[in-house]
Amino acid sequence: MATGAGSVPLYNLMEDAATAEISRVQNWQWIKYGVELDGDGLGVRVGKELFGRASTAQTLDDFLTLDAYNHIVPTPP
């Protein structure tokens, strides 16, 4: 059982959870500040139409994985 100290791998996907959190926050910030992606020379403005769900919320949830844990980690009786 996790005690909130350190880290716990879930199905060998610990790094994936951290990557998901970083990506989600970055996407949310890009939408909020209207970032323009110009790596391909096309200058695509980031907006809600490029993303869905957690990235388009008016406010940013603390952690995407907190809700996900309820679906993948069994609750002790």
N, C-alpha and C. Protein backbone atom coordinates (compact mmCIF):
# COMPACT_ATOMS: atom_id res chain seq x y z
N MET A 1 0.84 -1.19 0.00
CA MET A 1 0.00 0.00 0.00
C MET A 1 0.88 1.24 0.00
N ALA A 2 0.55 2.21 -0.83
CA ALA A 2 1.31 3.46 -0.91
C ALA A 2 1.02 4.32 0.31
N THR A 3 2.07 4.91 0.86
CA THR A 3 1.92 5.76 2.04
C THR A 3 2.13 7.23 1.73
N GLY A 4 2.36 7.55 0.46
CA GLY A 4 2.59 8.93 0.08
C GLY A 4 4.04 9.34 0.13
N ALA A 5 4.93 8.43 0.51
CA ALA A 5 6.36 8.73 0.58
C ALA A 5 7.07 7.95 -0.53
N GLY A 6 7.92 8.60 -1.25
CA GLY A 6 8.65 7.93 -2.32
C GLY A 6 7.79 7.75 -3.55
N SER A 7 8.03 6.68 -4.27
CA SER A 7 7.25 6.41 -5.48
C SER A 7 6.92 4.93 -5.57
N VAL A 8 5.86 4.65 -6.30
CA VAL A 8 5.40 3.27 -6.45
C VAL A 8 5.14 3.01 -7.92
N PRO A 9 5.80 1.99 -8.51
CA PRO A 9 5.51 1.66 -9.91
C PRO A 9 4.16 0.96 -10.02
N LEU A 10 3.41 1.29 -11.06
CA LEU A 10 2.12 0.64 -11.32
C LEU A 10 2.22 -0.10 -12.64
N TYR A 11 2.23 -1.41 -12.58
CA TYR A 11 2.35 -2.23 -13.77
C TYR A 11 3.55 -1.82 -14.61
N ASN A 12 4.66 -1.53 -13.95
CA ASN A 12 5.91 -1.12 -14.61
C ASN A 12 5.75 0.14 -15.46
N LEU A 13 4.86 1.05 -15.07
CA LEU A 13 4.59 2.25 -15.86
C LEU A 13 4.83 3.53 -15.07
N MET A 14 5.74 3.50 -14.09
CA MET A 14 5.99 4.68 -13.27
C MET A 14 6.41 5.88 -14.11
N GLU A 15 7.32 5.68 -15.03
CA GLU A 15 7.79 6.79 -15.85
C GLU A 15 6.67 7.32 -16.75
N ASP A 16 5.81 6.45 -17.22
CA ASP A 16 4.71 6.88 -18.06
C ASP A 16 3.77 7.83 -17.33
N ALA A 17 3.53 7.62 -16.04
CA ALA A 17 2.68 8.51 -15.27
C ALA A 17 3.30 9.90 -15.19
N ALA A 18 4.60 9.98 -14.94
CA ALA A 18 5.28 11.27 -14.88
C ALA A 18 5.25 11.96 -16.24
N THR A 19 5.46 11.22 -17.29
CA THR A 19 5.44 11.79 -18.64
C THR A 19 4.04 12.32 -18.97
N ALA A 20 3.02 11.59 -18.58
CA ALA A 20 1.64 12.04 -18.83
C ALA A 20 1.36 13.34 -18.10
N GLU A 21 1.82 13.45 -16.86
CA GLU A 21 1.61 14.68 -16.09
C GLU A 21 2.32 15.87 -16.73
N ILE A 22 3.55 15.69 -17.12
CA ILE A 22 4.32 16.78 -17.74
C ILE A 22 3.66 17.21 -19.05
N SER A 23 3.28 16.26 -19.87
CA SER A 23 2.65 16.57 -21.16
C SER A 23 1.33 17.28 -20.98
N ARG A 24 0.51 16.81 -20.03
CA ARG A 24 -0.80 17.41 -19.77
C ARG A 24 -0.67 18.87 -19.35
N VAL A 25 0.27 19.13 -18.44
CA VAL A 25 0.46 20.51 -17.97
C VAL A 25 1.00 21.39 -19.09
N GLN A 26 1.93 20.86 -19.87
CA GLN A 26 2.47 21.64 -20.99
C GLN A 26 1.37 21.97 -21.99
N ASN A 27 0.55 21.00 -22.35
CA ASN A 27 -0.55 21.24 -23.29
C ASN A 27 -1.51 22.28 -22.75
N TRP A 28 -1.87 22.19 -21.47
CA TRP A 28 -2.79 23.15 -20.85
C TRP A 28 -2.21 24.56 -20.92
N GLN A 29 -0.91 24.69 -20.62
CA GLN A 29 -0.27 26.01 -20.68
C GLN A 29 -0.24 26.55 -22.11
N TRP A 30 0.04 25.70 -23.08
CA TRP A 30 0.07 26.12 -24.49
C TRP A 30 -1.29 26.68 -24.90
N ILE A 31 -2.37 26.01 -24.49
CA ILE A 31 -3.71 26.49 -24.82
C ILE A 31 -3.99 27.81 -24.12
N LYS A 32 -3.68 27.88 -22.83
CA LYS A 32 -3.96 29.09 -22.05
C LYS A 32 -3.26 30.33 -22.63
N TYR A 33 -2.02 30.15 -23.07
CA TYR A 33 -1.24 31.30 -23.54
C TYR A 33 -1.20 31.43 -25.06
N GLY A 34 -1.97 30.59 -25.77
CA GLY A 34 -2.06 30.70 -27.22
C GLY A 34 -0.74 30.56 -27.94
N VAL A 35 0.05 29.58 -27.54
CA VAL A 35 1.37 29.37 -28.12
C VAL A 35 1.26 29.05 -29.62
N GLU A 36 2.22 29.51 -30.37
CA GLU A 36 2.28 29.19 -31.80
C GLU A 36 3.41 28.20 -32.02
N LEU A 37 3.07 27.05 -32.61
CA LEU A 37 4.06 26.02 -32.93
C LEU A 37 4.58 26.28 -34.33
N ASP A 38 5.87 26.49 -34.45
CA ASP A 38 6.43 26.86 -35.75
C ASP A 38 7.59 25.95 -36.16
N GLY A 39 7.67 24.74 -35.58
CA GLY A 39 8.75 23.83 -35.91
C GLY A 39 8.75 23.39 -37.36
N ASP A 40 7.58 23.36 -37.98
CA ASP A 40 7.48 22.94 -39.38
C ASP A 40 7.38 24.12 -40.33
N GLY A 41 7.48 25.33 -39.79
CA GLY A 41 7.39 26.53 -40.62
C GLY A 41 5.98 26.97 -40.93
N LEU A 42 4.97 26.24 -40.43
CA LEU A 42 3.57 26.57 -40.73
C LEU A 42 2.95 27.52 -39.72
N GLY A 43 3.50 27.59 -38.51
CA GLY A 43 2.97 28.48 -37.49
C GLY A 43 1.57 28.14 -37.04
N VAL A 44 1.36 26.96 -36.49
CA VAL A 44 0.04 26.52 -36.02
C VAL A 44 -0.19 27.05 -34.61
N ARG A 45 -1.29 27.80 -34.43
CA ARG A 45 -1.64 28.33 -33.10
C ARG A 45 -2.30 27.22 -32.30
N VAL A 46 -1.84 27.03 -31.06
CA VAL A 46 -2.41 26.00 -30.19
C VAL A 46 -3.75 26.49 -29.65
N GLY A 47 -4.77 25.66 -29.77
CA GLY A 47 -6.10 25.98 -29.25
C GLY A 47 -6.80 24.71 -28.81
N LYS A 48 -7.98 24.85 -28.23
CA LYS A 48 -8.73 23.69 -27.72
C LYS A 48 -9.03 22.65 -28.78
N GLU A 49 -9.15 23.08 -30.04
CA GLU A 49 -9.48 22.13 -31.10
C GLU A 49 -8.38 21.09 -31.33
N LEU A 50 -7.17 21.35 -30.84
CA LEU A 50 -6.07 20.39 -31.00
C LEU A 50 -6.03 19.36 -29.87
N PHE A 51 -6.78 19.61 -28.78
CA PHE A 51 -6.70 18.76 -27.60
C PHE A 51 -8.09 18.42 -27.10
N GLY A 52 -8.15 17.52 -26.11
CA GLY A 52 -9.41 17.16 -25.48
C GLY A 52 -9.21 16.89 -24.01
N ARG A 53 -10.32 16.81 -23.30
CA ARG A 53 -10.38 16.42 -21.89
C ARG A 53 -9.58 17.33 -20.98
N ALA A 54 -8.61 16.79 -20.22
CA ALA A 54 -7.94 17.53 -19.14
C ALA A 54 -7.19 18.76 -19.62
N SER A 55 -6.72 18.75 -20.84
CA SER A 55 -5.96 19.89 -21.35
C SER A 55 -6.83 21.09 -21.66
N THR A 56 -8.14 20.89 -21.79
CA THR A 56 -9.02 21.99 -22.19
C THR A 56 -9.83 22.55 -21.03
N ALA A 57 -9.64 22.05 -19.84
CA ALA A 57 -10.38 22.54 -18.68
C ALA A 57 -10.03 23.99 -18.39
N GLN A 58 -10.99 24.73 -17.84
CA GLN A 58 -10.76 26.13 -17.50
C GLN A 58 -9.66 26.27 -16.45
N THR A 59 -9.66 25.35 -15.47
CA THR A 59 -8.61 25.31 -14.45
C THR A 59 -7.89 23.98 -14.54
N LEU A 60 -6.65 23.97 -14.12
CA LEU A 60 -5.82 22.77 -14.23
C LEU A 60 -5.97 21.91 -12.98
N ASP A 61 -6.34 20.63 -13.16
CA ASP A 61 -6.40 19.70 -12.03
C ASP A 61 -5.00 19.50 -11.48
N ASP A 62 -4.91 19.20 -10.18
CA ASP A 62 -3.60 18.99 -9.57
C ASP A 62 -2.84 17.85 -10.24
N PHE A 63 -3.47 16.69 -10.35
CA PHE A 63 -2.80 15.54 -10.95
C PHE A 63 -3.80 14.70 -11.74
N LEU A 64 -3.47 14.38 -12.96
CA LEU A 64 -4.27 13.50 -13.80
C LEU A 64 -4.30 12.10 -13.21
N THR A 65 -3.18 11.67 -12.66
CA THR A 65 -3.05 10.29 -12.20
C THR A 65 -3.85 10.00 -10.93
N LEU A 66 -4.19 11.01 -10.13
CA LEU A 66 -4.95 10.72 -8.91
C LEU A 66 -6.27 10.04 -9.21
N ASP A 67 -7.00 10.54 -10.20
CA ASP A 67 -8.26 9.91 -10.58
C ASP A 67 -8.01 8.56 -11.26
N ALA A 68 -6.95 8.47 -12.04
CA ALA A 68 -6.64 7.21 -12.73
C ALA A 68 -6.32 6.10 -11.73
N TYR A 69 -5.65 6.42 -10.64
CA TYR A 69 -5.32 5.41 -9.64
C TYR A 69 -6.57 4.71 -9.11
N ASN A 70 -7.67 5.44 -9.01
CA ASN A 70 -8.91 4.83 -8.54
C ASN A 70 -9.41 3.73 -9.45
N HIS A 71 -8.98 3.76 -10.70
CA HIS A 71 -9.42 2.76 -11.67
C HIS A 71 -8.44 1.60 -11.83
N ILE A 72 -7.18 1.78 -11.42
CA ILE A 72 -6.19 0.73 -11.66
C ILE A 72 -5.57 0.15 -10.40
N VAL A 73 -5.76 0.78 -9.25
CA VAL A 73 -5.20 0.26 -8.00
C VAL A 73 -6.35 -0.24 -7.13
N PRO A 74 -6.32 -1.51 -6.76
CA PRO A 74 -7.41 -2.03 -5.92
C PRO A 74 -7.40 -1.36 -4.55
N THR A 75 -8.58 -1.05 -4.06
CA THR A 75 -8.73 -0.44 -2.74
C THR A 75 -8.79 -1.54 -1.70
N PRO A 76 -7.97 -1.42 -0.64
CA PRO A 76 -8.00 -2.47 0.39
C PRO A 76 -9.36 -2.55 1.07
N PRO A 77 -9.78 -3.74 1.47
CA PRO A 77 -11.10 -3.91 2.12
C PRO A 77 -11.13 -3.24 3.49
